[in-house]
Amino acid sequence: MRLPQLDTTPVRTPSWPPDDTEESVVGSEYHQHVIDAARDGLRMAARANGASWHVLSQIPLAGFRRVDGSPYAMLPDVFVHPRPNPHPNLGVTLTFPDIGVPLLAIEVLSETTHDWDIDEQRGKAWSYADAGVAEYIIVDYDRHYIDQHVRALRLIDGRWTQWPTTLDGRWESPTLGVSFEFDGLYLRVRDAAGRLKPLPQEADALLLEQAATLEEQAATLEEQAATLERIRELAAAGDVTALRALLAPRSSSPDHPTTSGG
C-alpha cells in the first residue's frame, strides 16, 4: 500500500512581537488623550526652548529589529527625533536616515500592546535599546499592567536602567531640556524654565481667551482710529466748538482730569 506523501512545507512561525499597525496602536479614547498630552506638551516645550529636535506620534518608523534580526515595523506612540521630517505626508514610513534615531520614545500601555511594550528581553523595549534610543518612558495611567504609573528608563552601556526622579518627582532630560511629571491622569511636560505646558484642552481654552482679548483690543483700536479721524476733520474745518465738544469727555475722564480755574 502506498503511503500518503507528507507535506514538508515549513510552517512559518509568526514574528514576535508583531508589527505595529494603525489598528493595533489605537486604544481607548482616554489612552489617545494621554498620548496627545505628551506629544503636544513636548512640542510646546520645544518651541519655548528654541530646540532643534522634533516630535511625532504614531507615525511608521523603520529601522528597528527584533531579537532574531528581522525588521520590526513600529509606530511609537510619541517619539522625539533630531532631524526634521522630510516627508510630512500622512502614511509615509520614515527611516533613521530620514530623521535620525529617536532621542526619546513614549509608549502608553494598552490591552493590545502592553506585553511587548514592556518586554526588555524580546519586545519593543529591547528593540528601542538595540537601536540606541536614549530615553524610554512607559505610561500605565491606571496601573493596570505594571505596578507604577510611569516607568522611566535611560540607556546606559546598551542596557536600560531606572531613570531617577528629582526631589520634586520629575524626570529631567538634559538632552532635551525638558522634564516630565505624572499628575495622576497625564504625563506632563515642563520646558527648560520649569514652566508646565498646558494640556490640549487647556491650550484650546487659552486660545479662545486670547482670541476674545484680541477681538476686544481690535474694537478699541477701531474706535480710537475713528475718533482720531473725526478730530482731524474738525481741525481741518476749523470747527473749534465741535472739536471742544468731542474732546470734552476725554478731558474729564480719570485719565485726563479737568483742572478748575481760580
C-alpha atoms as a PDB file:
ATOM      1  CA  MET A   1       0.000   0.000   0.000  1.00  0.00           C
ATOM      2  CA  ARG A   2       1.305   3.413  -0.961  1.00  0.00           C
ATOM      3  CA  LEU A   3       1.706   5.781   1.982  1.00  0.00           C
ATOM      4  CA  PRO A   4       0.376   9.337   1.581  1.00  0.00           C
ATOM      5  CA  GLN A   5       3.065  11.902   0.858  1.00  0.00           C
ATOM      6  CA  LEU A   6       3.869  14.076   3.806  1.00  0.00           C
ATOM      7  CA  ASP A   7       3.670  17.860   3.464  1.00  0.00           C
ATOM      8  CA  THR A   8       7.206  19.079   4.041  1.00  0.00           C
ATOM      9  CA  THR A   9       6.390  22.762   3.591  1.00  0.00           C
ATOM     10  CA  PRO A  10       7.973  24.554   6.549  1.00  0.00           C
ATOM     11  CA  VAL A  11       5.499  26.120   8.940  1.00  0.00           C
ATOM     12  CA  ARG A  12       6.261  29.778   9.410  1.00  0.00           C
ATOM     13  CA  THR A  13       6.029  30.940  12.991  1.00  0.00           C
ATOM     14  CA  PRO A  14       4.574  34.442  13.267  1.00  0.00           C
ATOM     15  CA  SER A  15       7.152  37.034  14.276  1.00  0.00           C
ATOM     16  CA  TRP A  16       7.041  38.266  17.848  1.00  0.00           C
ATOM     17  CA  PRO A  17       6.462  40.993  18.722  1.00  0.00           C
ATOM     18  CA  PRO A  18       4.031  41.525  15.849  1.00  0.00           C
ATOM     19  CA  ASP A  19       4.493  44.591  13.683  1.00  0.00           C
ATOM     20  CA  ASP A  20       2.643  47.689  14.808  1.00  0.00           C
ATOM     21  CA  THR A  21      -0.370  48.613  12.699  1.00  0.00           C
ATOM     22  CA  GLU A  22      -2.689  51.588  12.736  1.00  0.00           C
ATOM     23  CA  GLU A  23      -5.324  49.326  14.287  1.00  0.00           C
ATOM     24  CA  SER A  24      -3.080  47.839  16.984  1.00  0.00           C
ATOM     25  CA  VAL A  25      -1.808  51.172  18.329  1.00  0.00           C
ATOM     26  CA  VAL A  26      -5.272  52.669  18.774  1.00  0.00           C
ATOM     27  CA  GLY A  27      -6.519  52.264  22.335  1.00  0.00           C
ATOM     28  CA  SER A  28      -9.350  53.846  24.264  1.00  0.00           C
ATOM     29  CA  GLU A  29     -10.288  57.486  23.898  1.00  0.00           C
ATOM     30  CA  TYR A  30      -8.514  58.315  27.155  1.00  0.00           C
ATOM     31  CA  HIS A  31      -5.451  56.339  26.006  1.00  0.00           C
ATOM     32  CA  GLN A  32      -5.299  58.663  22.995  1.00  0.00           C
ATOM     33  CA  HIS A  33      -5.740  61.735  25.220  1.00  0.00           C
ATOM     34  CA  VAL A  34      -2.668  60.689  27.244  1.00  0.00           C
ATOM     35  CA  ILE A  35      -0.661  60.347  24.019  1.00  0.00           C
ATOM     36  CA  ASP A  36      -1.881  63.725  22.753  1.00  0.00           C
ATOM     37  CA  ALA A  37      -0.967  65.428  26.036  1.00  0.00           C
ATOM     38  CA  ALA A  38       2.620  64.122  25.948  1.00  0.00           C
ATOM     39  CA  ARG A  39       3.062  64.929  22.250  1.00  0.00           C
ATOM     40  CA  ASP A  40       1.635  68.457  22.467  1.00  0.00           C
ATOM     41  CA  GLY A  41       3.496  69.193  25.705  1.00  0.00           C
ATOM     42  CA  LEU A  42       6.788  68.249  24.075  1.00  0.00           C
ATOM     43  CA  ARG A  43       6.028  70.350  21.006  1.00  0.00           C
ATOM     44  CA  MET A  44       5.224  73.395  23.132  1.00  0.00           C
ATOM     45  CA  ALA A  45       8.381  72.856  25.197  1.00  0.00           C
ATOM     46  CA  ALA A  46      10.447  72.602  22.009  1.00  0.00           C
ATOM     47  CA  ARG A  47       9.108  75.964  20.818  1.00  0.00           C
ATOM     48  CA  ALA A  48       9.682  77.551  24.233  1.00  0.00           C
ATOM     49  CA  ASN A  49      13.251  76.228  24.376  1.00  0.00           C
ATOM     50  CA  GLY A  50      14.069  77.049  20.749  1.00  0.00           C
ATOM     51  CA  ALA A  51      15.044  73.387  20.417  1.00  0.00           C
ATOM     52  CA  SER A  52      16.262  71.755  17.225  1.00  0.00           C
ATOM     53  CA  TRP A  53      14.540  68.417  17.892  1.00  0.00           C
ATOM     54  CA  HIS A  54      11.071  67.468  16.678  1.00  0.00           C
ATOM     55  CA  VAL A  55       8.126  65.381  17.879  1.00  0.00           C
ATOM     56  CA  LEU A  56       5.937  62.860  16.057  1.00  0.00           C
ATOM     57  CA  SER A  57       3.204  60.493  17.168  1.00  0.00           C
ATOM     58  CA  GLN A  58       2.077  57.106  15.828  1.00  0.00           C
ATOM     59  CA  ILE A  59       3.922  57.527  12.510  1.00  0.00           C
ATOM     60  CA  PRO A  60       5.509  54.433  10.873  1.00  0.00           C
ATOM     61  CA  LEU A  61       9.241  54.368  11.598  1.00  0.00           C
ATOM     62  CA  ALA A  62      11.556  51.794  10.005  1.00  0.00           C
ATOM     63  CA  GLY A  63      14.986  50.798  11.265  1.00  0.00           C
ATOM     64  CA  PHE A  64      14.167  48.751  14.344  1.00  0.00           C
ATOM     65  CA  ARG A  65      14.741  45.000  14.528  1.00  0.00           C
ATOM     66  CA  ARG A  66      13.676  42.068  16.662  1.00  0.00           C
ATOM     67  CA  VAL A  67      15.954  39.826  18.709  1.00  0.00           C
ATOM     68  CA  ASP A  68      16.090  37.395  15.752  1.00  0.00           C
ATOM     69  CA  GLY A  69      17.327  40.195  13.494  1.00  0.00           C
ATOM     70  CA  SER A  70      14.134  40.554  11.452  1.00  0.00           C
ATOM     71  CA  PRO A  71      12.868  44.074  10.670  1.00  0.00           C
ATOM     72  CA  TYR A  72      10.345  45.381  13.182  1.00  0.00           C
ATOM     73  CA  ALA A  73       7.775  47.869  11.839  1.00  0.00           C
ATOM     74  CA  MET A  74       6.895  50.265  14.655  1.00  0.00           C
ATOM     75  CA  LEU A  75       4.568  53.209  15.231  1.00  0.00           C
ATOM     76  CA  PRO A  76       5.781  54.681  18.551  1.00  0.00           C
ATOM     77  CA  ASP A  77       3.046  56.454  20.491  1.00  0.00           C
ATOM     78  CA  VAL A  78       5.313  59.509  20.828  1.00  0.00           C
ATOM     79  CA  PHE A  79       8.920  59.965  19.799  1.00  0.00           C
ATOM     80  CA  VAL A  80      11.449  62.790  19.648  1.00  0.00           C
ATOM     81  CA  HIS A  81      13.798  62.832  16.677  1.00  0.00           C
ATOM     82  CA  PRO A  82      16.827  65.052  15.996  1.00  0.00           C
ATOM     83  CA  ARG A  83      16.150  65.985  12.362  1.00  0.00           C
ATOM     84  CA  PRO A  84      13.001  67.449  10.746  1.00  0.00           C
ATOM     85  CA  ASN A  85      10.572  65.199   8.924  1.00  0.00           C
ATOM     86  CA  PRO A  86      11.356  65.409   5.173  1.00  0.00           C
ATOM     87  CA  HIS A  87       8.129  63.603   4.285  1.00  0.00           C
ATOM     88  CA  PRO A  88       5.325  65.190   6.314  1.00  0.00           C
ATOM     89  CA  ASN A  89       2.624  63.471   4.232  1.00  0.00           C
ATOM     90  CA  LEU A  90       0.382  61.162   6.227  1.00  0.00           C
ATOM     91  CA  GLY A  91       1.194  57.471   5.877  1.00  0.00           C
ATOM     92  CA  VAL A  92       4.783  57.802   4.679  1.00  0.00           C
ATOM     93  CA  THR A  93       7.136  55.432   6.517  1.00  0.00           C
ATOM     94  CA  LEU A  94      10.129  57.307   7.908  1.00  0.00           C
ATOM     95  CA  THR A  95      13.597  55.854   8.403  1.00  0.00           C
ATOM     96  CA  PHE A  96      16.556  56.551  10.649  1.00  0.00           C
ATOM     97  CA  PRO A  97      18.486  58.148   7.744  1.00  0.00           C
ATOM     98  CA  ASP A  98      15.490  60.491   7.296  1.00  0.00           C
ATOM     99  CA  ILE A  99      15.103  61.780  10.847  1.00  0.00           C
ATOM    100  CA  GLY A 100      17.790  60.106  12.959  1.00  0.00           C
ATOM    101  CA  VAL A 101      17.459  57.559  15.757  1.00  0.00           C
ATOM    102  CA  PRO A 102      14.854  58.789  18.274  1.00  0.00           C
ATOM    103  CA  LEU A 103      16.208  60.553  21.327  1.00  0.00           C
ATOM    104  CA  LEU A 104      13.153  59.579  23.352  1.00  0.00           C
ATOM    105  CA  ALA A 105      10.241  57.176  22.950  1.00  0.00           C
ATOM    106  CA  ILE A 106       6.997  57.140  24.938  1.00  0.00           C
ATOM    107  CA  GLU A 107       4.548  54.232  24.965  1.00  0.00           C
ATOM    108  CA  VAL A 108       1.152  54.383  26.680  1.00  0.00           C
ATOM    109  CA  LEU A 109       0.167  50.847  27.627  1.00  0.00           C
ATOM    110  CA  SER A 110      -2.995  49.344  26.210  1.00  0.00           C
ATOM    111  CA  GLU A 111      -4.634  45.942  26.157  1.00  0.00           C
ATOM    112  CA  THR A 112      -3.314  45.078  22.707  1.00  0.00           C
ATOM    113  CA  THR A 113       0.329  46.170  23.030  1.00  0.00           C
ATOM    114  CA  HIS A 114       1.358  46.174  26.694  1.00  0.00           C
ATOM    115  CA  ASP A 115       3.114  42.782  26.579  1.00  0.00           C
ATOM    116  CA  TRP A 116       5.723  43.822  24.050  1.00  0.00           C
ATOM    117  CA  ASP A 117       5.935  47.478  25.119  1.00  0.00           C
ATOM    118  CA  ILE A 118       7.474  46.466  28.476  1.00  0.00           C
ATOM    119  CA  ASP A 119       9.443  43.363  27.433  1.00  0.00           C
ATOM    120  CA  GLU A 120      13.163  44.201  27.724  1.00  0.00           C
ATOM    121  CA  GLN A 121      14.286  40.747  26.587  1.00  0.00           C
ATOM    122  CA  ARG A 122      12.379  40.285  23.312  1.00  0.00           C
ATOM    123  CA  GLY A 123       9.836  43.089  22.958  1.00  0.00           C
ATOM    124  CA  LYS A 124       9.688  46.727  21.956  1.00  0.00           C
ATOM    125  CA  ALA A 125      11.806  47.787  24.930  1.00  0.00           C
ATOM    126  CA  TRP A 126      14.608  45.552  23.599  1.00  0.00           C
ATOM    127  CA  SER A 127      14.251  46.993  20.094  1.00  0.00           C
ATOM    128  CA  TYR A 128      14.443  50.573  21.369  1.00  0.00           C
ATOM    129  CA  ALA A 129      17.627  49.763  23.284  1.00  0.00           C
ATOM    130  CA  ASP A 130      19.099  47.926  20.291  1.00  0.00           C
ATOM    131  CA  ALA A 131      18.519  50.999  18.087  1.00  0.00           C
ATOM    132  CA  GLY A 132      20.148  53.324  20.626  1.00  0.00           C
ATOM    133  CA  VAL A 133      17.082  55.262  21.805  1.00  0.00           C
ATOM    134  CA  ALA A 134      18.475  57.153  24.801  1.00  0.00           C
ATOM    135  CA  GLU A 135      15.325  57.505  26.914  1.00  0.00           C
ATOM    136  CA  TYR A 136      12.159  55.433  27.166  1.00  0.00           C
ATOM    137  CA  ILE A 137       9.027  56.294  29.142  1.00  0.00           C
ATOM    138  CA  ILE A 138       6.234  53.776  29.666  1.00  0.00           C
ATOM    139  CA  VAL A 139       2.920  55.151  30.940  1.00  0.00           C
ATOM    140  CA  ASP A 140       0.279  52.996  32.628  1.00  0.00           C
ATOM    141  CA  TYR A 141      -2.170  55.652  33.765  1.00  0.00           C
ATOM    142  CA  ASP A 142      -4.338  53.278  35.808  1.00  0.00           C
ATOM    143  CA  ARG A 143      -1.564  50.812  36.809  1.00  0.00           C
ATOM    144  CA  HIS A 144      -3.387  48.012  35.069  1.00  0.00           C
ATOM    145  CA  TYR A 145      -0.329  46.326  33.555  1.00  0.00           C
ATOM    146  CA  ILE A 146       2.630  47.400  35.727  1.00  0.00           C
ATOM    147  CA  ASP A 147       2.916  48.409  39.378  1.00  0.00           C
ATOM    148  CA  GLN A 148       3.600  52.095  38.686  1.00  0.00           C
ATOM    149  CA  HIS A 149       2.016  54.882  36.685  1.00  0.00           C
ATOM    150  CA  VAL A 150       5.278  55.671  34.910  1.00  0.00           C
ATOM    151  CA  ARG A 151       8.330  53.526  34.242  1.00  0.00           C
ATOM    152  CA  ALA A 152      11.123  55.787  33.045  1.00  0.00           C
ATOM    153  CA  LEU A 153      14.309  54.259  31.657  1.00  0.00           C
ATOM    154  CA  ARG A 154      17.655  55.519  30.413  1.00  0.00           C
ATOM    155  CA  LEU A 155      20.029  53.644  28.148  1.00  0.00           C
ATOM    156  CA  ILE A 156      23.458  53.171  29.743  1.00  0.00           C
ATOM    157  CA  ASP A 157      26.037  50.919  28.074  1.00  0.00           C
ATOM    158  CA  GLY A 158      23.321  49.410  25.904  1.00  0.00           C
ATOM    159  CA  ARG A 159      21.068  48.425  28.809  1.00  0.00           C
ATOM    160  CA  TRP A 160      18.010  50.045  30.337  1.00  0.00           C
ATOM    161  CA  THR A 161      18.464  51.489  33.820  1.00  0.00           C
ATOM    162  CA  GLN A 162      15.942  53.207  36.048  1.00  0.00           C
ATOM    163  CA  TRP A 163      15.710  56.943  35.358  1.00  0.00           C
ATOM    164  CA  PRO A 164      15.766  58.537  38.820  1.00  0.00           C
ATOM    165  CA  THR A 165      13.404  61.380  39.695  1.00  0.00           C
ATOM    166  CA  THR A 166      14.322  64.699  41.220  1.00  0.00           C
ATOM    167  CA  LEU A 167      13.253  65.581  44.768  1.00  0.00           C
ATOM    168  CA  ASP A 168      10.006  67.010  43.389  1.00  0.00           C
ATOM    169  CA  GLY A 169       9.214  63.811  41.499  1.00  0.00           C
ATOM    170  CA  ARG A 170      10.222  64.824  37.982  1.00  0.00           C
ATOM    171  CA  TRP A 171      12.227  63.031  35.337  1.00  0.00           C
ATOM    172  CA  GLU A 172      14.674  65.559  33.906  1.00  0.00           C
ATOM    173  CA  SER A 173      16.129  65.148  30.422  1.00  0.00           C
ATOM    174  CA  PRO A 174      19.268  67.269  29.990  1.00  0.00           C
ATOM    175  CA  THR A 175      19.434  66.180  26.347  1.00  0.00           C
ATOM    176  CA  LEU A 176      16.014  67.639  25.531  1.00  0.00           C
ATOM    177  CA  GLY A 177      15.990  70.396  28.130  1.00  0.00           C
ATOM    178  CA  VAL A 178      12.608  69.287  29.491  1.00  0.00           C
ATOM    179  CA  SER A 179      11.247  67.443  32.489  1.00  0.00           C
ATOM    180  CA  PHE A 180       8.297  65.098  32.908  1.00  0.00           C
ATOM    181  CA  GLU A 181       5.868  64.509  35.744  1.00  0.00           C
ATOM    182  CA  PHE A 182       2.719  62.473  36.221  1.00  0.00           C
ATOM    183  CA  ASP A 183      -0.236  64.427  37.616  1.00  0.00           C
ATOM    184  CA  GLY A 184      -2.441  61.418  38.317  1.00  0.00           C
ATOM    185  CA  LEU A 185      -4.019  61.495  34.868  1.00  0.00           C
ATOM    186  CA  TYR A 186      -1.451  62.626  32.311  1.00  0.00           C
ATOM    187  CA  LEU A 187       2.279  62.674  31.662  1.00  0.00           C
ATOM    188  CA  ARG A 188       3.004  66.401  31.791  1.00  0.00           C
ATOM    189  CA  VAL A 189       5.946  68.299  30.304  1.00  0.00           C
ATOM    190  CA  ARG A 190       7.879  71.313  31.615  1.00  0.00           C
ATOM    191  CA  ASP A 191      10.213  73.403  29.478  1.00  0.00           C
ATOM    192  CA  ALA A 192      13.771  74.400  30.356  1.00  0.00           C
ATOM    193  CA  ALA A 193      12.486  77.274  32.517  1.00  0.00           C
ATOM    194  CA  GLY A 194      10.314  74.874  34.509  1.00  0.00           C
ATOM    195  CA  ARG A 195       7.028  76.127  33.055  1.00  0.00           C
ATOM    196  CA  LEU A 196       4.315  73.471  32.908  1.00  0.00           C
ATOM    197  CA  LYS A 197       2.928  73.110  29.408  1.00  0.00           C
ATOM    198  CA  PRO A 198      -0.886  73.118  29.191  1.00  0.00           C
ATOM    199  CA  LEU A 199      -2.913  70.079  28.248  1.00  0.00           C
ATOM    200  CA  PRO A 200      -4.536  70.156  24.794  1.00  0.00           C
ATOM    201  CA  GLN A 201      -7.928  71.099  26.250  1.00  0.00           C
ATOM    202  CA  GLU A 202      -6.317  73.795  28.399  1.00  0.00           C
ATOM    203  CA  ALA A 203      -4.449  75.129  25.382  1.00  0.00           C
ATOM    204  CA  ASP A 204      -7.725  75.340  23.455  1.00  0.00           C
ATOM    205  CA  ALA A 205      -9.306  77.338  26.290  1.00  0.00           C
ATOM    206  CA  LEU A 206      -6.312  79.685  26.396  1.00  0.00           C
ATOM    207  CA  LEU A 207      -6.536  80.244  22.650  1.00  0.00           C
ATOM    208  CA  LEU A 208     -10.236  81.113  22.930  1.00  0.00           C
ATOM    209  CA  GLU A 209      -9.481  83.531  25.765  1.00  0.00           C
ATOM    210  CA  GLN A 210      -6.656  85.142  23.803  1.00  0.00           C
ATOM    211  CA  ALA A 211      -8.888  85.418  20.725  1.00  0.00           C
ATOM    212  CA  ALA A 212     -11.575  87.202  22.781  1.00  0.00           C
ATOM    213  CA  THR A 213      -8.982  89.593  24.219  1.00  0.00           C
ATOM    214  CA  LEU A 214      -7.596  90.357  20.781  1.00  0.00           C
ATOM    215  CA  GLU A 215     -11.121  90.984  19.491  1.00  0.00           C
ATOM    216  CA  GLU A 216     -11.753  93.486  22.295  1.00  0.00           C
ATOM    217  CA  GLN A 217      -8.439  95.204  21.618  1.00  0.00           C
ATOM    218  CA  ALA A 218      -9.209  95.412  17.899  1.00  0.00           C
ATOM    219  CA  ALA A 219     -12.594  97.017  18.632  1.00  0.00           C
ATOM    220  CA  THR A 220     -10.933  99.590  20.936  1.00  0.00           C
ATOM    221  CA  LEU A 221      -8.315 100.426  18.308  1.00  0.00           C
ATOM    222  CA  GLU A 222     -11.002 100.798  15.657  1.00  0.00           C
ATOM    223  CA  GLU A 223     -12.942 103.201  17.890  1.00  0.00           C
ATOM    224  CA  GLN A 224      -9.811 105.225  18.629  1.00  0.00           C
ATOM    225  CA  ALA A 225      -8.946 105.412  14.927  1.00  0.00           C
ATOM    226  CA  ALA A 226     -12.448 106.707  14.126  1.00  0.00           C
ATOM    227  CA  THR A 227     -12.177 109.369  16.844  1.00  0.00           C
ATOM    228  CA  LEU A 228      -8.774 110.483  15.586  1.00  0.00           C
ATOM    229  CA  GLU A 229     -10.095 110.768  12.037  1.00  0.00           C
ATOM    230  CA  ARG A 230     -13.023 112.902  13.286  1.00  0.00           C
ATOM    231  CA  ILE A 231     -10.618 115.178  15.182  1.00  0.00           C
ATOM    232  CA  ARG A 232      -8.608 115.697  12.010  1.00  0.00           C
ATOM    233  CA  GLU A 233     -11.744 116.532  10.024  1.00  0.00           C
ATOM    234  CA  LEU A 234     -12.933 119.103  12.597  1.00  0.00           C
ATOM    235  CA  ALA A 235      -9.489 120.660  12.877  1.00  0.00           C
ATOM    236  CA  ALA A 236      -9.240 120.957   9.106  1.00  0.00           C
ATOM    237  CA  ALA A 237     -12.677 122.599   9.000  1.00  0.00           C
ATOM    238  CA  GLY A 238     -11.768 124.977  11.799  1.00  0.00           C
ATOM    239  CA  ASP A 239     -14.825 123.901  13.817  1.00  0.00           C
ATOM    240  CA  VAL A 240     -13.444 124.724  17.270  1.00  0.00           C
ATOM    241  CA  THR A 241     -16.796 124.362  19.044  1.00  0.00           C
ATOM    242  CA  ALA A 242     -17.372 120.805  17.739  1.00  0.00           C
ATOM    243  CA  LEU A 243     -13.756 119.902  18.433  1.00  0.00           C
ATOM    244  CA  ARG A 244     -14.058 121.050  22.060  1.00  0.00           C
ATOM    245  CA  ALA A 245     -17.306 119.105  22.436  1.00  0.00           C
ATOM    246  CA  LEU A 246     -15.651 115.962  21.046  1.00  0.00           C
ATOM    247  CA  LEU A 247     -12.637 116.266  23.333  1.00  0.00           C
ATOM    248  CA  ALA A 248     -14.606 117.268  26.444  1.00  0.00           C
ATOM    249  CA  PRO A 249     -15.492 113.707  27.550  1.00  0.00           C
ATOM    250  CA  ARG A 250     -11.842 112.671  27.177  1.00  0.00           C
ATOM    251  CA  SER A 251     -10.503 115.620  29.152  1.00  0.00           C
ATOM    252  CA  SER A 252     -12.900 114.933  32.007  1.00  0.00           C
ATOM    253  CA  SER A 253     -12.135 111.196  32.186  1.00  0.00           C
ATOM    254  CA  PRO A 254      -9.967 109.770  35.012  1.00  0.00           C
ATOM    255  CA  ASP A 255      -7.058 109.519  32.571  1.00  0.00           C
ATOM    256  CA  HIS A 256      -7.484 113.208  31.600  1.00  0.00           C
ATOM    257  CA  PRO A 257      -8.643 115.073  34.751  1.00  0.00           C
ATOM    258  CA  THR A 258     -10.006 118.574  34.333  1.00  0.00           C
ATOM    259  CA  THR A 259      -8.422 121.497  36.142  1.00  0.00           C
ATOM    260  CA  SER A 260     -10.527 124.222  37.677  1.00  0.00           C
ATOM    261  CA  GLY A 261      -9.509 127.799  37.105  1.00  0.00           C
ATOM    262  CA  GLY A 262      -9.205 130.259  40.041  1.00  0.00           C
END
